[in-house]
C-alpha atoms as a PDB file:
ATOM      1  CA  MET A   1     -29.944  -5.930 -23.007  1.00  0.00           C
ATOM      2  CA  GLU A   2     -32.240  -5.131 -25.629  1.00  0.00           C
ATOM      3  CA  ARG A   3     -33.230  -8.369 -28.348  1.00  0.00           C
ATOM      4  CA  GLN A   4     -34.810  -7.896 -32.016  1.00  0.00           C
ATOM      5  CA  THR A   5     -38.305  -9.795 -31.379  1.00  0.00           C
ATOM      6  CA  THR A   6     -38.535 -12.691 -34.101  1.00  0.00           C
ATOM      7  CA  PHE A   7     -40.606 -14.949 -35.841  1.00  0.00           C
ATOM      8  CA  SER A   8     -40.122 -17.867 -32.967  1.00  0.00           C
ATOM      9  CA  ASP A   9     -40.983 -15.068 -29.941  1.00  0.00           C
ATOM     10  CA  PHE A  10     -44.561 -14.508 -32.132  1.00  0.00           C
ATOM     11  CA  GLU A  11     -45.511 -18.264 -31.955  1.00  0.00           C
ATOM     12  CA  TYR A  12     -44.062 -18.635 -29.010  1.00  0.00           C
ATOM     13  CA  ALA A  13     -46.738 -15.758 -27.205  1.00  0.00           C
ATOM     14  CA  ASN A  14     -49.566 -17.548 -28.764  1.00  0.00           C
ATOM     15  CA  ARG A  15     -48.726 -20.860 -26.299  1.00  0.00           C
ATOM     16  CA  LYS A  16     -51.488 -21.538 -23.517  1.00  0.00           C
ATOM     17  CA  ARG A  17     -49.069 -21.893 -20.983  1.00  0.00           C
ATOM     18  CA  THR A  18     -45.300 -21.228 -19.881  1.00  0.00           C
ATOM     19  CA  THR A  19     -43.091 -23.699 -18.332  1.00  0.00           C
ATOM     20  CA  LYS A  20     -41.105 -23.500 -14.948  1.00  0.00           C
ATOM     21  CA  ARG A  21     -38.125 -23.428 -16.295  1.00  0.00           C
ATOM     22  CA  GLU A  22     -38.823 -20.110 -18.713  1.00  0.00           C
ATOM     23  CA  GLU A  23     -40.672 -18.665 -15.128  1.00  0.00           C
ATOM     24  CA  PHE A  24     -37.334 -19.012 -13.518  1.00  0.00           C
ATOM     25  CA  LEU A  25     -35.242 -17.637 -16.420  1.00  0.00           C
ATOM     26  CA  LYS A  26     -37.926 -14.061 -16.847  1.00  0.00           C
ATOM     27  CA  THR A  27     -37.648 -13.686 -12.560  1.00  0.00           C
ATOM     28  CA  MET A  28     -33.967 -14.093 -12.589  1.00  0.00           C
ATOM     29  CA  ASP A  29     -33.601 -11.882 -16.038  1.00  0.00           C
ATOM     30  CA  GLU A  30     -35.273  -8.989 -13.851  1.00  0.00           C
ATOM     31  CA  VAL A  31     -33.561  -9.327 -10.218  1.00  0.00           C
ATOM     32  CA  ILE A  32     -30.009  -9.817 -11.574  1.00  0.00           C
ATOM     33  CA  PRO A  33     -28.054  -6.133 -11.961  1.00  0.00           C
ATOM     34  CA  TRP A  34     -26.540  -6.435 -15.027  1.00  0.00           C
ATOM     35  CA  ARG A  35     -25.132  -3.741 -15.741  1.00  0.00           C
ATOM     36  CA  GLU A  36     -23.101  -3.920 -12.225  1.00  0.00           C
ATOM     37  CA  LEU A  37     -22.106  -7.392 -12.740  1.00  0.00           C
ATOM     38  CA  VAL A  38     -20.761  -7.007 -16.580  1.00  0.00           C
ATOM     39  CA  ALA A  39     -19.024  -3.559 -15.245  1.00  0.00           C
ATOM     40  CA  CYS A  40     -17.118  -5.695 -12.867  1.00  0.00           C
ATOM     41  CA  ILE A  41     -15.902  -7.738 -15.758  1.00  0.00           C
ATOM     42  CA  ARG A  42     -15.131  -5.790 -18.539  1.00  0.00           C
ATOM     43  CA  PRO A  43     -11.478  -4.546 -17.028  1.00  0.00           C
ATOM     44  CA  HIS A  44     -10.056  -8.280 -17.043  1.00  0.00           C
ATOM     45  CA  TYR A  45     -11.974  -8.739 -20.513  1.00  0.00           C
ATOM     46  CA  PRO A  46     -10.051  -9.320 -23.984  1.00  0.00           C
ATOM     47  CA  SER A  47     -10.410  -5.724 -25.705  1.00  0.00           C
ATOM     48  CA  GLY A  48     -10.280  -7.919 -29.110  1.00  0.00           C
ATOM     49  CA  LYS A  49      -7.674  -5.548 -30.767  1.00  0.00           C
ATOM     50  CA  ARG A  50      -5.679  -8.651 -31.134  1.00  0.00           C
ATOM     51  CA  GLY A  51      -7.298 -12.021 -32.581  1.00  0.00           C
ATOM     52  CA  ARG A  52     -10.963 -12.366 -33.287  1.00  0.00           C
ATOM     53  CA  PRO A  53     -13.594  -9.992 -31.533  1.00  0.00           C
ATOM     54  CA  PRO A  54     -14.587 -11.555 -28.648  1.00  0.00           C
ATOM     55  CA  ARG A  55     -18.287 -12.279 -27.451  1.00  0.00           C
ATOM     56  CA  GLY A  56     -20.457 -10.025 -25.761  1.00  0.00           C
ATOM     57  CA  ILE A  57     -19.586 -10.143 -21.307  1.00  0.00           C
ATOM     58  CA  GLU A  58     -23.423 -10.324 -21.271  1.00  0.00           C
ATOM     59  CA  PRO A  59     -24.058 -12.832 -23.422  1.00  0.00           C
ATOM     60  CA  MET A  60     -21.630 -15.051 -21.898  1.00  0.00           C
ATOM     61  CA  LEU A  61     -22.324 -14.034 -18.507  1.00  0.00           C
ATOM     62  CA  ARG A  62     -25.541 -15.087 -19.399  1.00  0.00           C
ATOM     63  CA  MET A  63     -24.998 -18.500 -21.180  1.00  0.00           C
ATOM     64  CA  TYR A  64     -22.710 -18.993 -18.143  1.00  0.00           C
ATOM     65  CA  LEU A  65     -25.266 -18.928 -15.422  1.00  0.00           C
ATOM     66  CA  LEU A  66     -27.161 -20.847 -17.112  1.00  0.00           C
ATOM     67  CA  GLN A  67     -24.834 -23.672 -16.823  1.00  0.00           C
ATOM     68  CA  VAL A  68     -25.003 -22.518 -12.982  1.00  0.00           C
ATOM     69  CA  TRP A  69     -28.592 -22.947 -12.230  1.00  0.00           C
ATOM     70  CA  PHE A  70     -29.293 -26.065 -14.595  1.00  0.00           C
ATOM     71  CA  ASN A  71     -25.605 -27.611 -13.737  1.00  0.00           C
ATOM     72  CA  LEU A  72     -24.463 -28.898 -17.184  1.00  0.00           C
ATOM     73  CA  SER A  73     -21.410 -29.164 -19.209  1.00  0.00           C
ATOM     74  CA  ASP A  74     -20.303 -26.628 -21.229  1.00  0.00           C
ATOM     75  CA  GLU A  75     -21.182 -28.300 -24.322  1.00  0.00           C
ATOM     76  CA  ALA A  76     -24.627 -29.255 -23.167  1.00  0.00           C
ATOM     77  CA  VAL A  77     -25.070 -25.688 -22.386  1.00  0.00           C
ATOM     78  CA  GLU A  78     -24.317 -25.233 -25.573  1.00  0.00           C
ATOM     79  CA  ASP A  79     -26.887 -27.842 -26.692  1.00  0.00           C
ATOM     80  CA  SER A  80     -29.388 -26.728 -24.936  1.00  0.00           C
ATOM     81  CA  ILE A  81     -29.441 -22.957 -26.329  1.00  0.00           C
ATOM     82  CA  TYR A  82     -30.156 -24.617 -29.814  1.00  0.00           C
ATOM     83  CA  ASP A  83     -32.943 -26.634 -28.001  1.00  0.00           C
ATOM     84  CA  SER A  84     -34.564 -24.387 -25.616  1.00  0.00           C
ATOM     85  CA  TYR A  85     -36.573 -21.097 -26.724  1.00  0.00           C
ATOM     86  CA  ALA A  86     -36.193 -20.178 -23.390  1.00  0.00           C
ATOM     87  CA  MET A  87     -32.452 -20.558 -22.756  1.00  0.00           C
ATOM     88  CA  ARG A  88     -32.067 -18.952 -25.786  1.00  0.00           C
ATOM     89  CA  SER A  89     -34.519 -16.565 -25.398  1.00  0.00           C
ATOM     90  CA  PHE A  90     -32.957 -15.591 -21.462  1.00  0.00           C
ATOM     91  CA  VAL A  91     -29.315 -15.326 -23.214  1.00  0.00           C
ATOM     92  CA  GLY A  92     -31.403 -13.454 -25.644  1.00  0.00           C
ATOM     93  CA  LEU A  93     -30.093 -14.557 -29.127  1.00  0.00           C
ATOM     94  CA  ASN A  94     -31.158 -14.049 -32.904  1.00  0.00           C
ATOM     95  CA  PHE A  95     -30.078 -16.889 -35.023  1.00  0.00           C
ATOM     96  CA  LEU A  96     -30.742 -14.639 -38.045  1.00  0.00           C
ATOM     97  CA  GLU A  97     -28.331 -12.665 -36.645  1.00  0.00           C
ATOM     98  CA  GLU A  98     -25.668 -15.151 -34.830  1.00  0.00           C
ATOM     99  CA  GLN A  99     -24.926 -18.353 -33.806  1.00  0.00           C
ATOM    100  CA  THR A 100     -24.625 -19.898 -30.285  1.00  0.00           C
ATOM    101  CA  PRO A 101     -21.174 -18.906 -28.493  1.00  0.00           C
ATOM    102  CA  ASP A 102     -19.647 -22.119 -28.520  1.00  0.00           C
ATOM    103  CA  ALA A 103     -18.411 -24.842 -25.987  1.00  0.00           C
ATOM    104  CA  THR A 104     -15.014 -23.605 -26.047  1.00  0.00           C
ATOM    105  CA  THR A 105     -16.163 -19.434 -25.480  1.00  0.00           C
ATOM    106  CA  LEU A 106     -17.576 -20.622 -21.939  1.00  0.00           C
ATOM    107  CA  LEU A 107     -15.116 -22.777 -21.046  1.00  0.00           C
ATOM    108  CA  HIS A 108     -12.377 -19.589 -21.470  1.00  0.00           C
ATOM    109  CA  PHE A 109     -15.101 -17.271 -20.539  1.00  0.00           C
ATOM    110  CA  ARG A 110     -15.312 -19.755 -17.243  1.00  0.00           C
ATOM    111  CA  HIS A 111     -11.137 -19.626 -17.187  1.00  0.00           C
ATOM    112  CA  LEU A 112     -11.158 -16.095 -17.380  1.00  0.00           C
ATOM    113  CA  LEU A 113     -13.378 -15.288 -14.216  1.00  0.00           C
ATOM    114  CA  GLU A 114     -11.906 -18.104 -11.882  1.00  0.00           C
ATOM    115  CA  ARG A 115      -8.884 -16.834 -12.817  1.00  0.00           C
ATOM    116  CA  HIS A 116      -9.182 -13.305 -11.869  1.00  0.00           C
ATOM    117  CA  GLY A 117     -11.347 -13.961  -8.689  1.00  0.00           C
ATOM    118  CA  LEU A 118     -13.722 -12.992 -10.427  1.00  0.00           C
ATOM    119  CA  GLY A 119     -16.591 -14.490  -8.608  1.00  0.00           C
ATOM    120  CA  LYS A 120     -15.844 -13.375  -4.805  1.00  0.00           C
ATOM    121  CA  LYS A 121     -16.192 -10.104  -6.861  1.00  0.00           C
ATOM    122  CA  LEU A 122     -19.687 -10.602  -8.187  1.00  0.00           C
ATOM    123  CA  PHE A 123     -20.671 -12.279  -4.882  1.00  0.00           C
ATOM    124  CA  GLU A 124     -19.141  -8.737  -3.298  1.00  0.00           C
ATOM    125  CA  LYS A 125     -20.928  -6.385  -5.793  1.00  0.00           C
ATOM    126  CA  ILE A 126     -24.443  -8.393  -5.556  1.00  0.00           C
ATOM    127  CA  ASN A 127     -25.036  -8.259  -1.546  1.00  0.00           C
ATOM    128  CA  ALA A 128     -23.335  -5.182  -1.733  1.00  0.00           C
ATOM    129  CA  LEU A 129     -26.418  -4.145  -3.882  1.00  0.00           C
ATOM    130  CA  LEU A 130     -28.574  -6.087  -1.411  1.00  0.00           C
ATOM    131  CA  GLU A 131     -27.097  -3.989   1.415  1.00  0.00           C
ATOM    132  CA  GLU A 132     -28.549  -0.755  -0.520  1.00  0.00           C
ATOM    133  CA  ARG A 133     -32.061  -1.743  -0.587  1.00  0.00           C
ATOM    134  CA  GLY A 134     -31.927  -2.798   2.577  1.00  0.00           C
ATOM    135  CA  CYS A 135     -31.930  -6.149   2.500  1.00  0.00           C
ATOM    136  CA  MET A 136     -29.267  -7.424   4.196  1.00  0.00           C
ATOM    137  CA  MET A 137     -28.765  -5.994   8.058  1.00  0.00           C
ATOM    138  CA  ARG A 138     -25.612  -6.116   9.911  1.00  0.00           C
ATOM    139  CA  GLY A 139     -26.832  -8.001  12.954  1.00  0.00           C
ATOM    140  CA  GLY A 140     -26.402 -11.485  14.411  1.00  0.00           C
ATOM    141  CA  THR A 141     -24.692 -13.736  12.087  1.00  0.00           C
ATOM    142  CA  ILE A 142     -25.886 -17.877  11.538  1.00  0.00           C
ATOM    143  CA  VAL A 143     -22.922 -19.944  10.606  1.00  0.00           C
ATOM    144  CA  ASP A 144     -23.471 -23.759   9.137  1.00  0.00           C
ATOM    145  CA  ALA A 145     -21.471 -26.001   6.852  1.00  0.00           C
ATOM    146  CA  THR A 146     -22.427 -28.776   4.221  1.00  0.00           C
ATOM    147  CA  ILE A 147     -21.268 -31.437   2.529  1.00  0.00           C
ATOM    148  CA  ILE A 148     -21.297 -31.404  -1.133  1.00  0.00           C
ATOM    149  CA  SER A 149     -19.690 -34.495  -3.081  1.00  0.00           C
ATOM    150  CA  ALA A 150     -17.376 -35.636  -5.558  1.00  0.00           C
ATOM    151  CA  PRO A 151     -16.695 -38.530  -7.688  1.00  0.00           C
ATOM    152  CA  SER A 152     -14.604 -40.895  -5.619  1.00  0.00           C
ATOM    153  CA  SER A 153     -14.092 -43.253  -8.983  1.00  0.00           C
ATOM    154  CA  THR A 154     -10.190 -43.468 -10.066  1.00  0.00           C
ATOM    155  CA  LYS A 155     -11.228 -45.191 -13.301  1.00  0.00           C
ATOM    156  CA  ASN A 156      -9.853 -41.736 -14.820  1.00  0.00           C
ATOM    157  CA  GLN A 157      -7.094 -41.022 -16.837  1.00  0.00           C
ATOM    158  CA  ASP A 158      -4.877 -39.773 -13.637  1.00  0.00           C
ATOM    159  CA  GLY A 159      -6.371 -43.492 -11.707  1.00  0.00           C
ATOM    160  CA  GLU A 160      -6.887 -41.685  -8.651  1.00  0.00           C
ATOM    161  CA  ARG A 161      -9.590 -39.290  -7.134  1.00  0.00           C
ATOM    162  CA  ASP A 162      -9.236 -35.774  -6.607  1.00  0.00           C
ATOM    163  CA  PRO A 163      -6.046 -35.087  -4.109  1.00  0.00           C
ATOM    164  CA  GLU A 164      -8.238 -31.756  -2.906  1.00  0.00           C
ATOM    165  CA  MET A 165     -11.124 -33.889  -1.611  1.00  0.00           C
ATOM    166  CA  HIS A 166     -11.305 -36.048   1.704  1.00  0.00           C
ATOM    167  CA  GLN A 167     -14.214 -38.065   2.998  1.00  0.00           C
ATOM    168  CA  THR A 168     -15.582 -37.669   6.201  1.00  0.00           C
ATOM    169  CA  LYS A 169     -18.403 -39.703   8.070  1.00  0.00           C
ATOM    170  CA  LYS A 170     -21.453 -38.038   9.158  1.00  0.00           C
ATOM    171  CA  GLY A 171     -23.529 -40.231  11.465  1.00  0.00           C
ATOM    172  CA  ASN A 172     -23.127 -44.147   9.898  1.00  0.00           C
ATOM    173  CA  GLN A 173     -22.312 -42.595   6.181  1.00  0.00           C
ATOM    174  CA  TRP A 174     -19.171 -41.797   4.611  1.00  0.00           C
ATOM    175  CA  HIS A 175     -19.308 -39.019   1.891  1.00  0.00           C
ATOM    176  CA  PHE A 176     -16.079 -37.872   0.191  1.00  0.00           C
ATOM    177  CA  GLY A 177     -16.076 -34.236  -1.311  1.00  0.00           C
ATOM    178  CA  MET A 178     -16.226 -30.919   0.208  1.00  0.00           C
ATOM    179  CA  LYS A 179     -17.212 -28.655   2.338  1.00  0.00           C
ATOM    180  CA  ALA A 180     -18.877 -25.295   1.781  1.00  0.00           C
ATOM    181  CA  HIS A 181     -19.194 -22.991   5.275  1.00  0.00           C
ATOM    182  CA  ILE A 182     -21.160 -19.708   5.167  1.00  0.00           C
ATOM    183  CA  GLY A 183     -22.039 -17.185   7.208  1.00  0.00           C
ATOM    184  CA  VAL A 184     -25.569 -15.975   7.346  1.00  0.00           C
ATOM    185  CA  ASP A 185     -27.250 -12.880   8.283  1.00  0.00           C
ATOM    186  CA  ALA A 186     -28.953 -13.522  11.096  1.00  0.00           C
ATOM    187  CA  ASP A 187     -32.442 -11.491  10.358  1.00  0.00           C
ATOM    188  CA  SER A 188     -32.710 -12.193   6.296  1.00  0.00           C
ATOM    189  CA  GLY A 189     -31.152 -15.468   5.586  1.00  0.00           C
ATOM    190  CA  LEU A 190     -28.836 -13.972   3.328  1.00  0.00           C
ATOM    191  CA  VAL A 191     -25.349 -15.709   2.664  1.00  0.00           C
ATOM    192  CA  HIS A 192     -22.648 -13.138   3.315  1.00  0.00           C
ATOM    193  CA  THR A 193     -19.321 -14.477   3.519  1.00  0.00           C
ATOM    194  CA  VAL A 194     -18.754 -18.330   1.984  1.00  0.00           C
ATOM    195  CA  ALA A 195     -15.754 -20.584   2.667  1.00  0.00           C
ATOM    196  CA  THR A 196     -14.444 -23.941   1.394  1.00  0.00           C
ATOM    197  CA  THR A 197     -12.592 -26.810   2.164  1.00  0.00           C
ATOM    198  CA  ALA A 198     -11.829 -30.600   2.126  1.00  0.00           C
ATOM    199  CA  ALA A 199     -14.925 -32.585   3.543  1.00  0.00           C
ATOM    200  CA  ASN A 200     -13.196 -34.155   6.265  1.00  0.00           C
ATOM    201  CA  ALA A 201     -11.587 -30.709   7.903  1.00  0.00           C
ATOM    202  CA  HIS A 202     -14.164 -29.420  10.774  1.00  0.00           C
ATOM    203  CA  ASP A 203     -16.825 -27.202  11.064  1.00  0.00           C
ATOM    204  CA  ILE A 204     -15.279 -25.223  13.772  1.00  0.00           C
ATOM    205  CA  THR A 205     -12.035 -24.684  12.668  1.00  0.00           C
ATOM    206  CA  GLN A 206     -13.742 -22.122   9.719  1.00  0.00           C
ATOM    207  CA  ALA A 207     -16.351 -20.393  12.668  1.00  0.00           C
ATOM    208  CA  HIS A 208     -13.908 -17.519  12.416  1.00  0.00           C
ATOM    209  CA  ALA A 209     -13.418 -16.406   8.897  1.00  0.00           C
ATOM    210  CA  LEU A 210     -17.723 -16.732   8.226  1.00  0.00           C
ATOM    211  CA  LEU A 211     -18.024 -13.705  10.179  1.00  0.00           C
ATOM    212  CA  HIS A 212     -17.808  -9.933   8.802  1.00  0.00           C
ATOM    213  CA  GLY A 213     -16.870  -8.244  12.214  1.00  0.00           C
ATOM    214  CA  GLU A 214     -20.130  -6.202  13.729  1.00  0.00           C
ATOM    215  CA  GLU A 215     -22.096  -9.097  14.847  1.00  0.00           C
ATOM    216  CA  ASP A 216     -23.590  -9.196  18.486  1.00  0.00           C
ATOM    217  CA  VAL A 217     -24.366 -12.182  18.401  1.00  0.00           C
ATOM    218  CA  VAL A 218     -23.411 -16.012  16.306  1.00  0.00           C
ATOM    219  CA  PHE A 219     -25.702 -18.790  16.249  1.00  0.00           C
ATOM    220  CA  ALA A 220     -24.638 -22.339  15.266  1.00  0.00           C
ATOM    221  CA  ASP A 221     -25.581 -25.745  15.651  1.00  0.00           C
ATOM    222  CA  SER A 222     -23.982 -28.161  18.584  1.00  0.00           C
ATOM    223  CA  GLY A 223     -20.786 -28.860  15.887  1.00  0.00           C
ATOM    224  CA  TYR A 224     -19.191 -25.610  17.239  1.00  0.00           C
ATOM    225  CA  ARG A 225     -18.786 -26.171  20.893  1.00  0.00           C
ATOM    226  CA  GLY A 226     -16.115 -24.673  22.394  1.00  0.00           C
ATOM    227  CA  VAL A 227     -15.974 -21.953  19.514  1.00  0.00           C
ATOM    228  CA  GLU A 228     -15.482 -18.795  21.516  1.00  0.00           C
ATOM    229  CA  LYS A 229     -11.922 -21.003  23.078  1.00  0.00           C
ATOM    230  CA  ARG A 230     -10.562 -21.178  19.949  1.00  0.00           C
ATOM    231  CA  ASP A 231      -7.369 -19.181  19.879  1.00  0.00           C
ATOM    232  CA  GLU A 232      -8.214 -16.868  16.303  1.00  0.00           C
ATOM    233  CA  VAL A 233     -11.393 -16.196  17.816  1.00  0.00           C
ATOM    234  CA  GLN A 234     -10.939 -15.111  20.313  1.00  0.00           C
ATOM    235  CA  GLU A 235      -8.823 -12.683  18.279  1.00  0.00           C
ATOM    236  CA  LEU A 236     -10.506 -11.587  15.453  1.00  0.00           C
ATOM    237  CA  HIS A 237     -14.013 -11.324  17.122  1.00  0.00           C
ATOM    238  CA  PRO A 238     -12.943 -11.566  20.819  1.00  0.00           C
ATOM    239  CA  ASP A 239     -16.770  -9.168  21.517  1.00  0.00           C
ATOM    240  CA  SER A 240     -19.266 -11.923  19.382  1.00  0.00           C
ATOM    241  CA  CYS A 241     -21.463 -14.058  21.698  1.00  0.00           C
ATOM    242  CA  TRP A 242     -22.101 -17.085  20.329  1.00  0.00           C
ATOM    243  CA  HIS A 243     -25.192 -19.191  21.099  1.00  0.00           C
ATOM    244  CA  ILE A 244     -24.399 -22.603  20.517  1.00  0.00           C
ATOM    245  CA  ALA A 245     -26.988 -25.216  20.025  1.00  0.00           C
ATOM    246  CA  MET A 246     -27.204 -28.255  23.262  1.00  0.00           C
ATOM    247  CA  MET A 247     -26.370 -31.709  22.119  1.00  0.00           C
ATOM    248  CA  PRO A 248     -29.631 -33.940  20.819  1.00  0.00           C
ATOM    249  CA  GLY A 249     -28.724 -36.067  23.772  1.00  0.00           C
ATOM    250  CA  LYS A 250     -29.024 -33.579  26.799  1.00  0.00           C
ATOM    251  CA  ARG A 251     -31.331 -31.608  25.193  1.00  0.00           C
ATOM    252  CA  LYS A 252     -33.551 -35.251  25.179  1.00  0.00           C
ATOM    253  CA  ALA A 253     -32.329 -36.159  28.566  1.00  0.00           C
ATOM    254  CA  LEU A 254     -33.835 -33.025  29.773  1.00  0.00           C
ATOM    255  CA  ASP A 255     -36.849 -33.643  32.236  1.00  0.00           C
ATOM    256  CA  LYS A 256     -39.855 -30.928  30.972  1.00  0.00           C
ATOM    257  CA  SER A 257     -41.829 -31.589  34.053  1.00  0.00           C
ATOM    258  CA  LYS A 258     -39.298 -29.225  36.000  1.00  0.00           C
ATOM    259  CA  ALA A 259     -39.345 -25.436  35.655  1.00  0.00           C
ATOM    260  CA  LEU A 260     -35.225 -25.177  34.827  1.00  0.00           C
ATOM    261  CA  ASP A 261     -35.412 -27.727  32.366  1.00  0.00           C
ATOM    262  CA  ALA A 262     -38.653 -26.756  30.952  1.00  0.00           C
ATOM    263  CA  LEU A 263     -37.144 -23.079  30.232  1.00  0.00           C
ATOM    264  CA  ILE A 264     -34.119 -24.878  28.885  1.00  0.00           C
ATOM    265  CA  ASP A 265     -35.578 -26.479  26.057  1.00  0.00           C
ATOM    266  CA  GLN A 266     -37.657 -23.183  25.743  1.00  0.00           C
ATOM    267  CA  LEU A 267     -35.073 -21.643  24.751  1.00  0.00           C
ATOM    268  CA  GLU A 268     -33.581 -23.927  22.317  1.00  0.00           C
ATOM    269  CA  THR A 269     -36.381 -23.952  20.348  1.00  0.00           C
ATOM    270  CA  ILE A 270     -35.758 -20.220  20.038  1.00  0.00           C
ATOM    271  CA  LYS A 271     -32.501 -21.186  18.753  1.00  0.00           C
ATOM    272  CA  ALA A 272     -33.202 -23.676  16.726  1.00  0.00           C
ATOM    273  CA  ARG A 273     -36.382 -21.020  15.002  1.00  0.00           C
ATOM    274  CA  ILE A 274     -33.009 -18.773  14.025  1.00  0.00           C
ATOM    275  CA  ARG A 275     -31.004 -21.465  13.152  1.00  0.00           C
ATOM    276  CA  ALA A 276     -32.843 -23.263  10.228  1.00  0.00           C
ATOM    277  CA  LYS A 277     -32.192 -19.644   8.464  1.00  0.00           C
ATOM    278  CA  VAL A 278     -29.520 -20.996   7.455  1.00  0.00           C
ATOM    279  CA  GLU A 279     -30.581 -24.517   5.687  1.00  0.00           C
ATOM    280  CA  HIS A 280     -32.593 -22.420   3.334  1.00  0.00           C
ATOM    281  CA  PRO A 281     -29.334 -21.279   0.947  1.00  0.00           C
ATOM    282  CA  PHE A 282     -28.004 -24.499   1.059  1.00  0.00           C
ATOM    283  CA  ARG A 283     -31.838 -25.310   0.115  1.00  0.00           C
ATOM    284  CA  VAL A 284     -31.923 -23.417  -2.800  1.00  0.00           C
ATOM    285  CA  ILE A 285     -28.308 -24.684  -4.403  1.00  0.00           C
ATOM    286  CA  LYS A 286     -28.988 -27.928  -3.919  1.00  0.00           C
ATOM    287  CA  CYS A 287     -32.811 -28.198  -4.415  1.00  0.00           C
ATOM    288  CA  GLN A 288     -33.854 -24.899  -6.723  1.00  0.00           C
ATOM    289  CA  PHE A 289     -30.148 -25.298  -8.328  1.00  0.00           C
ATOM    290  CA  GLY A 290     -29.444 -29.104  -8.194  1.00  0.00           C
ATOM    291  CA  HIS A 291     -26.144 -28.160  -7.007  1.00  0.00           C
ATOM    292  CA  ARG A 292     -25.821 -31.863  -5.693  1.00  0.00           C
ATOM    293  CA  LYS A 293     -22.087 -32.861  -6.792  1.00  0.00           C
ATOM    294  CA  VAL A 294     -18.994 -30.719  -7.729  1.00  0.00           C
ATOM    295  CA  ARG A 295     -18.512 -30.109 -11.264  1.00  0.00           C
ATOM    296  CA  TYR A 296     -15.182 -29.273 -11.331  1.00  0.00           C
ATOM    297  CA  LYS A 297     -11.415 -30.271 -10.142  1.00  0.00           C
ATOM    298  CA  GLY A 298     -10.146 -29.083  -7.233  1.00  0.00           C
ATOM    299  CA  LEU A 299     -11.722 -26.150  -4.274  1.00  0.00           C
ATOM    300  CA  ALA A 300     -10.113 -23.194  -6.717  1.00  0.00           C
ATOM    301  CA  LYS A 301     -12.745 -23.760  -9.758  1.00  0.00           C
ATOM    302  CA  ASN A 302     -15.833 -25.181  -7.078  1.00  0.00           C
ATOM    303  CA  THR A 303     -15.289 -22.333  -4.797  1.00  0.00           C
ATOM    304  CA  SER A 304     -15.943 -19.691  -7.974  1.00  0.00           C
ATOM    305  CA  GLN A 305     -18.777 -21.018  -9.174  1.00  0.00           C
ATOM    306  CA  LEU A 306     -20.480 -22.009  -5.248  1.00  0.00           C
ATOM    307  CA  LEU A 307     -19.557 -17.761  -4.768  1.00  0.00           C
ATOM    308  CA  VAL A 308     -22.037 -17.173  -7.914  1.00  0.00           C
ATOM    309  CA  MET A 309     -24.060 -19.356  -7.165  1.00  0.00           C
ATOM    310  CA  PHE A 310     -24.413 -18.227  -3.167  1.00  0.00           C
ATOM    311  CA  ALA A 311     -25.031 -14.885  -4.831  1.00  0.00           C
ATOM    312  CA  LEU A 312     -27.534 -15.903  -6.990  1.00  0.00           C
ATOM    313  CA  SER A 313     -29.613 -17.876  -4.319  1.00  0.00           C
ATOM    314  CA  ASN A 314     -29.484 -14.662  -2.190  1.00  0.00           C
ATOM    315  CA  LEU A 315     -30.983 -12.633  -5.232  1.00  0.00           C
ATOM    316  CA  TRP A 316     -33.590 -15.895  -5.761  1.00  0.00           C
ATOM    317  CA  MET A 317     -34.645 -15.561  -1.857  1.00  0.00           C
ATOM    318  CA  VAL A 318     -35.639 -11.975  -1.953  1.00  0.00           C
ATOM    319  CA  ARG A 319     -37.237 -11.739  -5.648  1.00  0.00           C
ATOM    320  CA  LYS A 320     -40.162 -10.814  -4.899  1.00  0.00           C
ATOM    321  CA  ARG A 321     -38.886  -7.693  -2.108  1.00  0.00           C
ATOM    322  CA  ILE A 322     -36.934  -6.439  -5.712  1.00  0.00           C
ATOM    323  CA  LEU A 323     -39.469  -7.042  -8.136  1.00  0.00           C
ATOM    324  CA  GLN A 324     -41.897  -5.158  -5.695  1.00  0.00           C
ATOM    325  CA  GLY A 325     -39.336  -2.354  -5.482  1.00  0.00           C
ATOM    326  CA  GLN A 326     -39.181  -2.262  -9.366  1.00  0.00           C
ATOM    327  CA  GLN A 327     -42.513  -1.469  -9.647  1.00  0.00           C
ATOM    328  CA  ALA A 328     -43.478   0.957  -6.805  1.00  0.00           C
END
């Protein structure tokens, strides 16, 4: 998207340093395949033949991604674009010609993505492009899940918590919210499959849905013990070889002075190093994007956002490789 240079651009060009936010947005602007993503949305976007003409797809998509990355409400995104030169430049707005789309326009755009399942389509499109570039292989898979908290307060209009969220106990801590289950490419660490459930669903129940069907081996932590015996796994993925981590207590009890126990411990270390890759996408969405709590009510809206978020995390994780390819 081409943007006309303004006086603000000349003014900001003379700064001594750029902010981390500006560097992040510049990098993501370069690695995101805007043309392909806009093409996914266009068949479902209003044509403008009736009513007022809609805003352009790409500026609205850019505005929505700002909301995803910085964990902002609809109103906060609008205010931030007015306040931040970096955000305004990313969206491509020139205030001499147009104003920022308001919060209601962003709300309608987000609902359009949710209504037509475009979050999943954008996720699949980005992954398909990464496969074409050779960034994602179809070998082994690592599966895991993480809890994303939801507001537990009942001080709202309905006087109740979100009925689609539930509480679960992890260690000695109770959590209320949902679970994000992911299948990750064992070679690159990129997410190829996403599923969501309430927090009280056991990780093992979604294991079959996290495999793409072409993997020879699957790695998982000790919470997936017995997964290969489940009916849905035997029916859908009978040839997959599962490598499940040993229970921490059993591994701690190994006598490393014995040759067999020492070998078992080494094998567990190798499996743990492979499984560590599944934590990287979780780190990106929780630490880089700040998504530690759900923003919306219900699983459907939050799932749509998570699909986009994991697609963006894939791009972030291979950004250097993409940029090197563009320079070559």
